[in-house]
N, C-alpha and C. Protein backbone atom coordinates (compact mmCIF):
# COMPACT_ATOMS: atom_id res chain seq x y z
N UNK A 1 0.73 -1.21 0.08
CA UNK A 1 0.10 -0.02 -0.10
C UNK A 1 1.25 1.34 -0.21
N UNK A 2 0.63 2.25 -1.25
CA UNK A 2 1.52 3.35 -0.83
C UNK A 2 1.29 4.41 0.33
N UNK A 3 2.04 4.75 1.02
CA UNK A 3 2.05 5.63 1.99
C UNK A 3 2.93 7.07 1.67
N UNK A 4 2.26 8.14 1.11
CA UNK A 4 3.01 9.02 0.97
C UNK A 4 3.18 9.87 2.05
N UNK A 5 4.43 10.37 2.45
CA UNK A 5 4.39 11.48 3.41
C UNK A 5 4.98 12.46 2.69
N UNK A 6 4.52 13.89 3.33
CA UNK A 6 4.72 14.99 2.66
C UNK A 6 5.52 15.80 3.74
N UNK A 7 6.83 15.98 3.59
CA UNK A 7 7.41 16.70 4.68
C UNK A 7 8.65 17.71 4.35
N UNK A 8 8.79 18.53 5.18
CA UNK A 8 9.84 19.66 4.95
C UNK A 8 9.81 20.26 6.54
N UNK A 9 10.85 20.40 7.02
CA UNK A 9 11.13 21.10 8.61
C UNK A 9 10.86 22.29 8.43
N UNK A 10 10.84 23.03 7.20
CA UNK A 10 10.43 24.48 7.35
C UNK A 10 9.26 24.73 7.12
N UNK A 11 8.66 25.51 7.71
CA UNK A 11 7.17 25.94 7.34
C UNK A 11 6.85 26.89 6.22
N UNK A 12 5.51 26.86 5.94
CA UNK A 12 5.07 27.81 4.77
C UNK A 12 5.57 27.37 3.43
N UNK A 13 6.22 25.91 3.08
CA UNK A 13 6.60 25.85 1.72
C UNK A 13 5.27 25.44 0.80
N UNK A 14 4.23 24.70 1.67
CA UNK A 14 3.49 24.16 0.60
C UNK A 14 3.14 22.66 0.96
N UNK A 15 3.28 22.43 2.18
CA UNK A 15 3.11 20.91 2.63
C UNK A 15 1.44 20.57 2.31
N UNK A 16 0.65 21.40 3.19
CA UNK A 16 -0.73 21.12 3.20
C UNK A 16 -1.39 21.17 1.53
N UNK A 17 -1.04 22.05 0.68
CA UNK A 17 -1.12 22.10 -0.60
C UNK A 17 -1.27 20.65 -1.24
N UNK A 18 0.32 20.37 -1.33
CA UNK A 18 0.93 19.28 -1.80
C UNK A 18 -0.16 17.96 -1.22
N UNK A 19 0.04 17.76 -0.06
CA UNK A 19 -0.56 16.81 0.85
C UNK A 19 -2.12 16.38 -0.02
N UNK A 20 -2.72 17.56 0.37
CA UNK A 20 -4.51 17.54 -0.27
C UNK A 20 -4.55 17.07 -1.55
N UNK A 21 -3.41 17.71 -2.57
CA UNK A 21 -3.65 17.40 -4.08
C UNK A 21 -3.35 16.17 -4.18
N UNK A 22 -2.23 15.36 -3.67
CA UNK A 22 -1.63 14.33 -3.77
C UNK A 22 -3.07 13.18 -3.41
N UNK A 23 -3.66 13.34 -2.20
CA UNK A 23 -4.97 12.77 -1.63
C UNK A 23 -5.97 12.68 -2.77
N UNK A 24 -6.09 14.05 -3.52
CA UNK A 24 -7.13 14.39 -4.49
C UNK A 24 -6.69 13.68 -5.68
N UNK A 25 -5.55 13.53 -6.13
CA UNK A 25 -5.09 12.70 -7.22
C UNK A 25 -5.42 11.06 -7.02
N UNK A 26 -5.24 10.53 -5.97
CA UNK A 26 -5.50 9.31 -5.67
C UNK A 26 -6.89 8.96 -5.67
N UNK A 27 -7.84 9.99 -5.23
CA UNK A 27 -9.12 9.61 -4.95
C UNK A 27 -9.98 9.82 -6.49
N UNK A 28 -9.15 10.62 -7.22
CA UNK A 28 -9.88 10.85 -8.52
C UNK A 28 -9.48 9.51 -9.57
N UNK A 29 -8.49 8.78 -8.99
CA UNK A 29 -8.29 7.28 -9.84
C UNK A 29 -9.25 6.37 -9.13
N UNK A 30 -10.00 6.57 -8.28
CA UNK A 30 -10.76 5.71 -7.63
C UNK A 30 -10.57 4.65 -6.52
N UNK A 31 -9.16 5.17 -5.77
CA UNK A 31 -8.74 4.58 -4.72
C UNK A 31 -9.19 4.92 -3.28
N UNK A 32 -9.15 3.91 -2.49
CA UNK A 32 -9.65 4.20 -1.01
C UNK A 32 -8.67 5.09 -0.30
N UNK A 33 -8.86 6.33 -0.24
CA UNK A 33 -7.75 7.16 0.18
C UNK A 33 -7.71 7.81 1.81
N UNK A 34 -6.75 7.78 2.53
CA UNK A 34 -7.04 8.24 3.95
C UNK A 34 -5.89 9.61 3.89
N UNK A 35 -6.31 10.62 4.32
CA UNK A 35 -5.49 11.83 4.61
C UNK A 35 -5.18 11.79 6.10
N UNK A 36 -4.15 11.85 6.66
CA UNK A 36 -3.52 12.09 7.76
C UNK A 36 -3.22 13.69 8.03
N UNK A 37 -2.97 14.01 9.14
CA UNK A 37 -2.68 15.27 9.48
C UNK A 37 -1.90 15.42 10.78
N UNK A 38 -0.70 15.23 10.66
CA UNK A 38 0.06 15.36 11.75
C UNK A 38 0.69 16.81 12.38
N UNK A 39 0.34 17.60 11.61
CA UNK A 39 0.34 19.11 12.02
C UNK A 39 -0.48 19.68 13.06
N UNK A 40 -0.19 20.67 13.94
CA UNK A 40 -0.83 21.14 14.93
C UNK A 40 -1.93 22.06 14.21
N UNK A 41 -1.49 22.80 13.29
CA UNK A 41 -2.60 23.42 12.68
C UNK A 41 -3.49 23.01 11.95
N UNK A 42 -3.64 21.48 11.64
CA UNK A 42 -4.63 20.67 11.10
C UNK A 42 -5.43 21.33 10.02
N UNK A 43 -4.15 21.94 8.68
CA UNK A 43 -4.98 22.50 7.66
C UNK A 43 -5.52 21.61 6.94
N UNK A 44 -5.00 20.21 6.80
CA UNK A 44 -5.47 19.32 6.07
C UNK A 44 -6.96 18.74 6.19
N UNK A 45 -6.91 18.73 7.88
CA UNK A 45 -8.13 18.19 8.37
C UNK A 45 -9.27 19.19 8.24
N UNK A 46 -8.89 20.34 8.08
CA UNK A 46 -9.88 21.57 7.97
C UNK A 46 -10.31 21.46 6.69
N UNK A 47 -9.53 21.18 5.72
CA UNK A 47 -9.95 21.05 4.13
C UNK A 47 -10.65 19.84 3.94
N UNK A 48 -10.43 18.65 4.63
CA UNK A 48 -11.45 17.61 4.50
C UNK A 48 -12.79 18.01 5.06
N UNK A 49 -13.19 18.82 6.14
CA UNK A 49 -14.08 19.01 6.78
C UNK A 49 -15.06 20.13 5.44
N UNK A 50 -14.45 20.72 4.66
CA UNK A 50 -14.77 21.62 3.75
C UNK A 50 -15.24 20.92 2.27
N UNK A 51 -14.94 19.49 2.17
CA UNK A 51 -15.20 18.84 0.97
C UNK A 51 -16.40 18.40 0.89
N UNK A 52 -17.06 18.59 -0.43
CA UNK A 52 -18.64 18.60 -0.81
C UNK A 52 -18.69 16.87 -1.02
N UNK A 53 -19.96 16.61 -0.60
CA UNK A 53 -20.08 15.08 -0.52
C UNK A 53 -20.29 14.54 -2.02
N UNK A 54 -20.45 15.53 -2.99
CA UNK A 54 -20.50 15.28 -4.30
C UNK A 54 -18.83 14.78 -4.89
N UNK A 55 -17.89 15.32 -3.94
CA UNK A 55 -16.56 14.81 -4.54
C UNK A 55 -15.88 13.71 -4.17
N UNK A 56 -15.22 13.17 -4.79
CA UNK A 56 -14.44 11.61 -4.71
C UNK A 56 -14.28 11.85 -3.16
N UNK A 57 -14.41 10.63 -2.58
CA UNK A 57 -14.38 10.39 -1.03
C UNK A 57 -12.85 10.24 -0.65
N UNK A 58 -12.41 11.29 0.48
CA UNK A 58 -11.14 10.98 0.90
C UNK A 58 -11.53 10.85 2.67
N UNK A 59 -10.86 9.72 3.11
CA UNK A 59 -11.47 9.59 4.54
C UNK A 59 -10.27 10.25 5.47
N UNK A 60 -10.51 10.78 6.90
CA UNK A 60 -9.54 11.37 7.32
C UNK A 60 -8.83 10.15 8.31
N UNK A 61 -7.58 10.58 8.81
CA UNK A 61 -6.97 9.60 9.67
C UNK A 61 -6.47 10.31 10.68
N UNK A 62 -6.90 9.55 11.88
CA UNK A 62 -6.71 10.16 13.15
C UNK A 62 -5.24 9.92 13.66
N UNK A 63 -4.22 10.58 14.11
CA UNK A 63 -3.15 10.43 14.58
C UNK A 63 -2.96 10.82 16.00
N UNK A 64 -1.99 10.06 16.76
CA UNK A 64 -1.92 10.52 18.11
C UNK A 64 -0.61 10.93 18.26
N UNK A 65 -0.04 11.61 19.28
CA UNK A 65 1.50 11.98 19.83
C UNK A 65 2.36 10.67 20.05
N UNK A 66 1.75 9.69 20.38
CA UNK A 66 2.19 8.32 20.78
C UNK A 66 3.10 7.88 19.54
N UNK A 67 2.51 8.04 18.33
CA UNK A 67 2.86 7.30 17.11
C UNK A 67 1.78 7.32 15.97
N UNK A 68 2.30 6.60 14.97
CA UNK A 68 1.39 6.57 13.93
C UNK A 68 0.90 5.08 13.80
N UNK A 69 -0.48 5.00 13.89
CA UNK A 69 -1.41 3.69 13.72
C UNK A 69 -1.41 3.38 12.41
N UNK A 70 -1.83 2.02 12.41
CA UNK A 70 -2.09 1.70 11.10
C UNK A 70 -3.38 1.86 10.47
N UNK A 71 -3.52 2.22 9.25
CA UNK A 71 -4.72 2.58 8.79
C UNK A 71 -5.68 1.33 8.86
N UNK A 72 -6.86 1.41 8.71
CA UNK A 72 -7.89 0.57 8.77
C UNK A 72 -7.88 -0.37 7.34
N UNK A 73 -8.20 -1.43 7.59
CA UNK A 73 -8.24 -2.41 6.37
C UNK A 73 -9.37 -1.61 5.40
N UNK A 74 -9.06 -2.03 4.12
CA UNK A 74 -9.90 -1.30 2.88
C UNK A 74 -9.21 -0.13 2.68
N UNK A 75 -8.08 0.51 3.30
CA UNK A 75 -7.57 1.70 2.89
C UNK A 75 -6.40 1.24 1.70
N UNK A 76 -6.56 2.25 0.49
CA UNK A 76 -5.36 1.42 -0.58
C UNK A 76 -4.21 2.60 -0.59
N UNK A 77 -4.60 3.86 -0.32
CA UNK A 77 -3.71 4.87 -0.21
C UNK A 77 -3.83 5.38 0.82
N UNK A 78 -2.55 5.90 1.42
CA UNK A 78 -2.52 7.06 2.69
C UNK A 78 -1.74 8.03 2.32
N UNK A 79 -2.09 9.19 2.60
CA UNK A 79 -1.09 10.44 2.66
C UNK A 79 -0.92 11.06 3.89
N UNK A 80 0.24 11.56 4.30
CA UNK A 80 0.30 12.10 5.73
C UNK A 80 0.90 13.42 5.67
N UNK A 81 0.47 14.41 5.99
CA UNK A 81 0.63 15.85 6.17
C UNK A 81 1.47 15.97 7.24
N UNK A 82 2.86 16.54 7.42
CA UNK A 82 3.42 16.57 8.65
C UNK A 82 3.57 18.18 8.78
N UNK A 83 4.14 18.38 10.29
CA UNK A 83 4.34 19.59 10.85
C UNK A 83 5.68 20.15 10.20
N UNK A 84 5.83 21.69 10.40
CA UNK A 84 7.41 22.21 10.29
C UNK A 84 8.13 21.61 11.70
N UNK A 85 9.54 21.83 11.63
CA UNK A 85 10.23 21.55 12.54
C UNK A 85 10.02 19.77 12.85
N UNK A 86 9.43 18.95 12.15
CA UNK A 86 9.53 17.50 12.31
C UNK A 86 11.05 16.95 12.19
N UNK A 87 11.25 16.49 13.49
CA UNK A 87 12.42 15.87 13.54
C UNK A 87 12.38 14.52 14.88
N UNK A 88 14.04 13.77 14.83
CA UNK A 88 14.08 12.96 15.99
C UNK A 88 12.82 11.81 15.67
N UNK A 89 12.51 11.48 17.07
CA UNK A 89 11.97 9.87 17.08
C UNK A 89 10.60 10.19 16.41
N UNK A 90 9.90 11.29 16.42
CA UNK A 90 8.52 11.61 15.61
C UNK A 90 8.90 11.06 14.11
N UNK A 91 9.92 12.04 13.77
CA UNK A 91 10.24 11.79 12.03
C UNK A 91 10.36 10.56 11.92
N UNK A 92 11.18 9.63 12.74
CA UNK A 92 11.55 8.29 12.52
C UNK A 92 10.40 7.40 12.58
N UNK A 93 9.45 7.60 13.46
CA UNK A 93 8.08 6.80 13.43
C UNK A 93 7.63 6.92 12.18
N UNK A 94 7.60 8.25 11.80
CA UNK A 94 6.57 8.49 10.47
C UNK A 94 7.01 7.82 9.27
N UNK A 95 8.57 8.01 9.18
CA UNK A 95 9.32 7.52 7.96
C UNK A 95 9.18 5.86 8.03
N UNK A 96 9.13 5.19 9.09
CA UNK A 96 9.21 4.00 9.17
C UNK A 96 7.96 3.24 8.24
N UNK A 97 6.79 4.07 8.21
CA UNK A 97 5.65 3.30 7.31
C UNK A 97 5.74 4.13 5.93
N UNK A 98 6.65 4.83 5.66
CA UNK A 98 6.67 5.53 4.37
C UNK A 98 7.17 4.81 3.18
N UNK A 99 6.31 4.63 1.89
CA UNK A 99 6.85 4.34 0.90
C UNK A 99 7.34 5.36 0.05
N UNK A 100 6.85 6.63 -0.04
CA UNK A 100 7.22 7.73 -0.61
C UNK A 100 7.42 8.76 0.10
N UNK A 101 8.35 9.59 -0.13
CA UNK A 101 8.31 10.77 0.70
C UNK A 101 8.47 12.18 -0.47
N UNK A 102 7.45 13.18 -0.38
CA UNK A 102 7.68 14.23 -1.13
C UNK A 102 8.02 15.43 -0.34
N UNK A 103 9.02 16.14 -0.99
CA UNK A 103 9.56 17.31 -0.19
C UNK A 103 9.10 18.42 -1.03
N UNK A 104 8.22 19.29 -0.65
CA UNK A 104 7.96 20.69 -1.41
C UNK A 104 9.10 21.55 -0.78
N UNK A 105 9.36 22.06 -1.88
CA UNK A 105 10.59 23.24 -1.74
C UNK A 105 10.52 24.48 -2.32
N UNK A 106 10.50 25.49 -1.88
CA UNK A 106 10.45 26.79 -2.71
C UNK A 106 12.08 26.78 -2.97
N UNK A 107 12.16 27.62 -4.21
CA UNK A 107 13.60 27.61 -4.64
C UNK A 107 14.37 29.27 -4.51
N UNK A 108 14.14 29.39 -3.28
CA UNK A 108 14.95 30.56 -2.40
C UNK A 108 15.93 30.00 -1.91
N UNK A 109 17.36 30.82 -1.73
CA UNK A 109 18.43 30.38 -0.81
C UNK A 109 18.10 29.97 0.56
N UNK A 110 17.26 30.85 1.37
CA UNK A 110 16.80 30.46 2.50
C UNK A 110 16.22 29.09 2.83
N UNK A 111 15.08 28.87 1.92
CA UNK A 111 14.60 27.65 1.89
C UNK A 111 15.25 26.36 1.49
N UNK A 112 16.17 26.54 0.49
CA UNK A 112 16.99 25.34 0.05
C UNK A 112 17.94 25.13 1.23
N UNK A 113 18.73 26.29 1.78
CA UNK A 113 19.69 25.82 2.89
C UNK A 113 19.08 25.49 4.27
N UNK A 114 17.82 25.77 4.36
CA UNK A 114 17.31 25.41 5.75
C UNK A 114 16.74 23.96 5.57
N UNK A 115 16.68 23.48 4.50
CA UNK A 115 15.98 22.15 4.27
C UNK A 115 17.31 21.01 3.93
N UNK A 116 18.39 21.56 3.69
CA UNK A 116 19.57 20.86 3.13
C UNK A 116 19.99 19.65 4.28
N UNK A 117 19.90 19.93 5.41
CA UNK A 117 20.39 18.74 6.30
C UNK A 117 19.13 17.78 6.21
N UNK A 118 18.02 18.22 6.27
CA UNK A 118 16.78 17.08 5.99
C UNK A 118 16.75 16.33 5.02
N UNK A 119 17.13 16.81 3.74
CA UNK A 119 17.56 16.29 2.52
C UNK A 119 18.58 15.36 2.72
N UNK A 120 19.68 15.72 3.13
CA UNK A 120 21.00 14.63 3.53
C UNK A 120 20.37 13.37 4.11
N UNK A 121 19.58 13.69 5.10
CA UNK A 121 19.10 12.47 5.97
C UNK A 121 18.15 11.70 4.86
N UNK A 122 17.41 12.17 4.24
CA UNK A 122 16.18 11.65 3.51
C UNK A 122 16.83 10.65 2.45
N UNK A 123 17.98 11.44 1.66
CA UNK A 123 18.92 10.94 0.67
C UNK A 123 19.43 9.41 0.97
N UNK A 124 19.98 9.39 2.31
CA UNK A 124 20.84 8.20 2.87
C UNK A 124 19.68 7.45 2.92
N UNK A 125 18.69 7.46 3.73
CA UNK A 125 17.55 6.37 3.70
C UNK A 125 17.06 5.91 2.46
N UNK A 126 17.04 6.78 1.58
CA UNK A 126 16.54 6.38 0.03
C UNK A 126 17.57 5.68 -0.45
N UNK A 127 18.79 5.90 -0.43
CA UNK A 127 19.91 5.19 -0.89
C UNK A 127 19.76 3.28 -0.22
N UNK A 128 19.19 3.56 0.90
CA UNK A 128 19.26 2.35 1.82
C UNK A 128 17.90 1.75 1.21
N UNK A 129 17.12 2.11 0.53
CA UNK A 129 15.97 1.47 -0.15
C UNK A 129 14.79 1.28 0.90
N UNK A 130 14.82 2.35 1.87
CA UNK A 130 13.61 2.26 2.56
C UNK A 130 12.42 3.09 2.04
N UNK A 131 12.52 3.89 1.20
CA UNK A 131 11.39 4.59 0.71
C UNK A 131 12.02 5.66 -0.65
N UNK A 132 11.05 5.95 -1.42
CA UNK A 132 11.73 7.17 -2.61
C UNK A 132 11.35 8.16 -2.13
N UNK A 133 12.29 9.19 -2.58
CA UNK A 133 12.10 10.84 -2.26
C UNK A 133 11.71 11.32 -3.60
N UNK A 134 11.38 12.49 -3.50
CA UNK A 134 11.30 13.38 -4.56
C UNK A 134 11.06 14.61 -4.24
N UNK A 135 11.24 15.63 -4.88
CA UNK A 135 11.43 16.93 -4.48
C UNK A 135 10.29 17.85 -5.48
N UNK A 136 9.42 18.48 -5.09
CA UNK A 136 8.63 19.41 -5.69
C UNK A 136 8.69 20.89 -5.89
N UNK A 137 9.14 21.56 -6.77
CA UNK A 137 9.42 22.96 -6.60
C UNK A 137 8.04 23.57 -6.67
N UNK A 138 7.93 24.30 -5.37
CA UNK A 138 6.55 25.21 -5.44
C UNK A 138 6.40 26.74 -5.51
N UNK A 139 5.33 26.99 -6.18
CA UNK A 139 5.37 28.42 -6.18
C UNK A 139 6.64 28.95 -7.47
N UNK A 140 6.72 27.99 -8.57
CA UNK A 140 7.88 28.36 -9.10
C UNK A 140 7.56 28.30 -10.56
N UNK A 141 8.17 28.66 -11.76
CA UNK A 141 7.77 28.64 -12.97
C UNK A 141 8.99 28.15 -13.41
N UNK A 142 8.92 27.20 -14.13
CA UNK A 142 10.50 26.26 -14.49
C UNK A 142 10.99 26.56 -15.45
N UNK A 143 10.67 27.81 -16.00
CA UNK A 143 11.25 28.67 -17.07
C UNK A 143 12.03 29.79 -16.39
N UNK A 144 12.13 29.71 -15.35
CA UNK A 144 12.99 31.03 -14.52
C UNK A 144 14.37 30.25 -14.00
N UNK A 145 15.31 31.62 -13.58
CA UNK A 145 16.16 31.19 -13.08
C UNK A 145 16.35 30.61 -11.81
N UNK A 146 15.37 30.73 -11.06
CA UNK A 146 14.97 29.99 -9.67
C UNK A 146 14.96 28.81 -9.66
N UNK A 147 14.10 28.33 -10.93
CA UNK A 147 14.02 26.86 -10.96
C UNK A 147 15.51 26.20 -11.46
N UNK A 148 16.19 26.84 -12.16
CA UNK A 148 17.52 26.04 -12.64
C UNK A 148 18.22 25.86 -11.35
N UNK A 149 18.47 26.96 -10.38
CA UNK A 149 19.10 26.93 -9.20
C UNK A 149 18.55 26.03 -8.23
N UNK A 150 17.14 25.79 -8.18
CA UNK A 150 17.07 24.48 -7.51
C UNK A 150 17.72 23.35 -8.05
N UNK A 151 17.22 22.98 -9.39
CA UNK A 151 17.75 21.90 -9.84
C UNK A 151 19.15 21.66 -9.67
N UNK A 152 20.16 22.71 -9.91
CA UNK A 152 21.35 22.63 -9.60
C UNK A 152 21.86 22.17 -8.24
N UNK A 153 20.90 22.94 -7.03
CA UNK A 153 21.23 22.21 -5.86
C UNK A 153 21.09 20.90 -5.57
N UNK A 154 19.80 20.19 -6.15
CA UNK A 154 19.56 18.94 -5.71
C UNK A 154 20.22 18.00 -6.43
N UNK A 155 20.96 18.73 -7.89
CA UNK A 155 21.45 17.61 -8.62
C UNK A 155 22.74 16.92 -7.55
N UNK A 156 23.17 17.67 -6.75
CA UNK A 156 24.32 17.28 -5.73
C UNK A 156 23.85 16.35 -4.60
N UNK A 157 22.58 16.17 -4.64
CA UNK A 157 22.07 15.34 -3.95
C UNK A 157 21.49 13.80 -4.07
N UNK A 158 21.60 13.84 -5.35
CA UNK A 158 21.04 12.40 -6.20
C UNK A 158 19.76 12.56 -5.74
N UNK A 159 18.92 13.40 -5.92
CA UNK A 159 17.26 13.20 -5.55
C UNK A 159 16.55 13.88 -6.86
N UNK A 160 15.62 13.50 -7.24
CA UNK A 160 14.90 13.74 -8.35
C UNK A 160 14.13 14.97 -8.08
N UNK A 161 13.88 15.98 -8.86
CA UNK A 161 12.94 17.11 -8.75
C UNK A 161 11.52 16.48 -9.85
N UNK A 162 10.77 16.39 -9.02
CA UNK A 162 9.55 15.60 -9.63
C UNK A 162 8.72 16.89 -10.92
N UNK A 163 8.86 17.84 -10.41
CA UNK A 163 8.17 18.70 -11.13
C UNK A 163 8.04 20.28 -10.34
N UNK A 164 7.43 21.22 -11.19
CA UNK A 164 7.49 22.55 -10.46
C UNK A 164 5.92 22.81 -10.30
N UNK A 165 5.25 23.32 -9.41
CA UNK A 165 3.83 23.76 -9.33
C UNK A 165 3.75 25.32 -9.22
N UNK A 166 3.23 25.80 -10.14
CA UNK A 166 3.21 27.36 -10.18
C UNK A 166 2.12 27.89 -9.21
N UNK A 167 2.66 29.11 -8.95
CA UNK A 167 1.66 30.17 -8.05
C UNK A 167 0.55 30.53 -8.79
N UNK A 168 -0.84 30.25 -8.45
CA UNK A 168 -1.90 30.54 -9.11
C UNK A 168 -3.06 30.37 -8.08
N UNK A 169 -3.94 31.36 -8.63
CA UNK A 169 -5.28 31.24 -7.86
C UNK A 169 -6.03 29.70 -7.74
N UNK A 170 -5.73 28.99 -8.87
CA UNK A 170 -6.58 27.84 -9.07
C UNK A 170 -6.38 27.01 -8.07
N UNK A 171 -5.16 27.05 -6.99
CA UNK A 171 -5.08 26.26 -5.88
C UNK A 171 -5.77 27.02 -4.97
N UNK A 172 -5.66 28.06 -4.68
CA UNK A 172 -6.28 28.74 -3.67
C UNK A 172 -8.16 28.58 -3.60
N UNK A 173 -8.44 28.57 -4.90
CA UNK A 173 -9.91 28.77 -4.90
C UNK A 173 -10.36 27.19 -4.76
N UNK A 174 -9.62 26.30 -5.20
CA UNK A 174 -10.01 24.93 -5.07
C UNK A 174 -10.01 24.53 -3.70
N UNK A 175 -8.80 24.80 -3.02
CA UNK A 175 -8.69 24.40 -1.52
C UNK A 175 -9.93 25.25 -0.80
N UNK A 176 -10.09 26.13 -1.02
CA UNK A 176 -11.18 27.25 0.15
C UNK A 176 -12.50 26.17 -0.07
N UNK A 177 -12.75 25.24 -1.26
CA UNK A 177 -14.04 24.62 -1.42
C UNK A 177 -13.55 23.24 -0.98
N UNK A 178 -12.57 22.67 -0.25
CA UNK A 178 -12.66 21.81 -0.01
C UNK A 178 -12.03 20.60 -1.38
N UNK A 179 -11.67 21.07 -2.38
CA UNK A 179 -11.42 20.52 -3.67
C UNK A 179 -9.60 20.64 -4.16
N UNK A 180 -9.48 20.06 -5.09
CA UNK A 180 -8.33 19.95 -5.61
C UNK A 180 -8.43 20.24 -7.48
N UNK A 181 -7.36 20.47 -7.93
CA UNK A 181 -7.35 20.74 -9.28
C UNK A 181 -7.96 19.41 -10.02
N UNK A 182 -7.82 18.22 -9.24
CA UNK A 182 -8.25 17.08 -10.08
C UNK A 182 -9.68 16.89 -9.68
N UNK A 183 -10.39 17.80 -9.23
CA UNK A 183 -11.95 17.88 -9.21
C UNK A 183 -12.56 18.56 -9.75
N UNK A 184 -11.94 19.69 -10.64
CA UNK A 184 -12.58 20.66 -11.41
C UNK A 184 -12.63 20.21 -12.72
N UNK A 185 -13.17 21.19 -13.65
CA UNK A 185 -13.40 20.74 -15.02
C UNK A 185 -11.76 20.89 -15.49
N UNK A 186 -11.27 19.83 -16.21
CA UNK A 186 -9.85 20.03 -16.58
C UNK A 186 -9.52 21.10 -17.46
N UNK A 187 -10.50 21.75 -18.44
CA UNK A 187 -10.13 23.05 -19.10
C UNK A 187 -10.04 23.92 -18.49
N UNK A 188 -10.14 24.21 -17.09
CA UNK A 188 -10.07 25.34 -16.23
C UNK A 188 -8.72 25.14 -15.64
N UNK A 189 -8.00 24.15 -15.72
CA UNK A 189 -6.79 23.78 -15.06
C UNK A 189 -5.53 22.93 -15.83
N UNK A 190 -5.88 23.33 -17.14
CA UNK A 190 -5.15 22.46 -18.06
C UNK A 190 -3.71 22.64 -17.72
N UNK A 191 -3.15 24.09 -17.51
CA UNK A 191 -1.67 23.94 -17.39
C UNK A 191 -1.39 23.30 -16.14
N UNK A 192 -2.21 23.37 -15.17
CA UNK A 192 -2.00 22.90 -13.65
C UNK A 192 -1.64 21.20 -13.85
N UNK A 193 -2.32 20.72 -14.60
CA UNK A 193 -2.56 19.19 -14.64
C UNK A 193 -1.41 18.75 -15.35
N UNK A 194 -0.69 19.73 -16.36
CA UNK A 194 0.24 19.40 -17.02
C UNK A 194 1.53 19.45 -16.18
N UNK A 195 1.47 20.16 -15.35
CA UNK A 195 2.69 20.21 -14.50
C UNK A 195 2.53 19.16 -13.27
N UNK A 196 1.62 18.29 -13.17
CA UNK A 196 1.58 17.44 -12.27
C UNK A 196 1.69 15.89 -12.99
N UNK A 197 1.77 15.94 -14.46
CA UNK A 197 1.88 14.64 -14.77
C UNK A 197 2.96 14.02 -14.39
N UNK A 198 4.37 14.56 -14.54
CA UNK A 198 5.52 13.84 -13.78
C UNK A 198 5.14 13.20 -12.55
N UNK A 199 4.40 14.22 -11.77
CA UNK A 199 4.46 13.70 -9.92
C UNK A 199 3.81 12.82 -10.16
N UNK A 200 2.62 12.79 -10.77
CA UNK A 200 1.73 11.43 -10.56
C UNK A 200 2.32 10.19 -11.06
N UNK A 201 3.11 10.36 -12.26
CA UNK A 201 3.72 9.06 -12.73
C UNK A 201 4.64 8.68 -11.90
N UNK A 202 5.54 9.23 -11.09
CA UNK A 202 6.21 9.08 -9.95
C UNK A 202 5.68 8.34 -8.85
N UNK A 203 4.47 8.93 -8.39
CA UNK A 203 3.36 8.34 -7.31
C UNK A 203 3.17 6.79 -7.70
N UNK A 204 2.78 6.73 -8.83
CA UNK A 204 2.15 5.47 -9.29
C UNK A 204 3.20 4.56 -9.71
N UNK A 205 4.50 4.76 -9.72
CA UNK A 205 5.23 3.92 -10.21
C UNK A 205 5.70 2.92 -8.95
C-alpha cells in the first residue's frame, strides 16, 4: 500500500497544498484514500471538513502523539501531512511506514539551505531502499532562473525534482471549497494538470 509522506522541516513551503492534492489525485483514480494530518495547525483536516459530498471521497486518519497507527482495512492509499520542525523520534516513526516521501521546496536560498540537512538524511535513507524521495518546486515557474538554481542544488543530492507547481489562484480557489485541481473541469486547470503529470507518474510507479 502506498504511504506518501509530505515533509519539510521548514514552514510555509506548501506541505498542506501538496498533501491535499496528492490525496485528491489518488481519489480521482478511484482509490480508497486516507489523509492524515500530523500538523498542529490541522490544515488538511480543515480542508477535509470543507470537502463537498459530491466530490470523490477521502477519509480522515486520526493520529496521536504516541505514534502513527496503521490505517484500517480497506484503505489502499495513505497521504500524511506533517508539521514544520519535524525531527528526531517523531520523524523516524513516520518514515517507518513511508513508501514515498515528497518534499515541497521553494527555490529560495533561505528555503534550500534550511532544508539541506533534512534532504541529506532522506537521501541516505532513500539509497538504503527504505522509501523513494522526490522534490517538488513550489510556487515557481520552471522557465525561470530560480528553478535552474533549485535543480542545480538538488543535483548534488542525487534526488529527483519531480516537477514544479506554479503560483496560481487555481489552488487557492479549489482548496477553499475542499477541492483540488483534480476535482474541477480539466479545461480550467489545464496548465496545472500538465505540471502534475510527472509527479503523478512517480507516485504511481
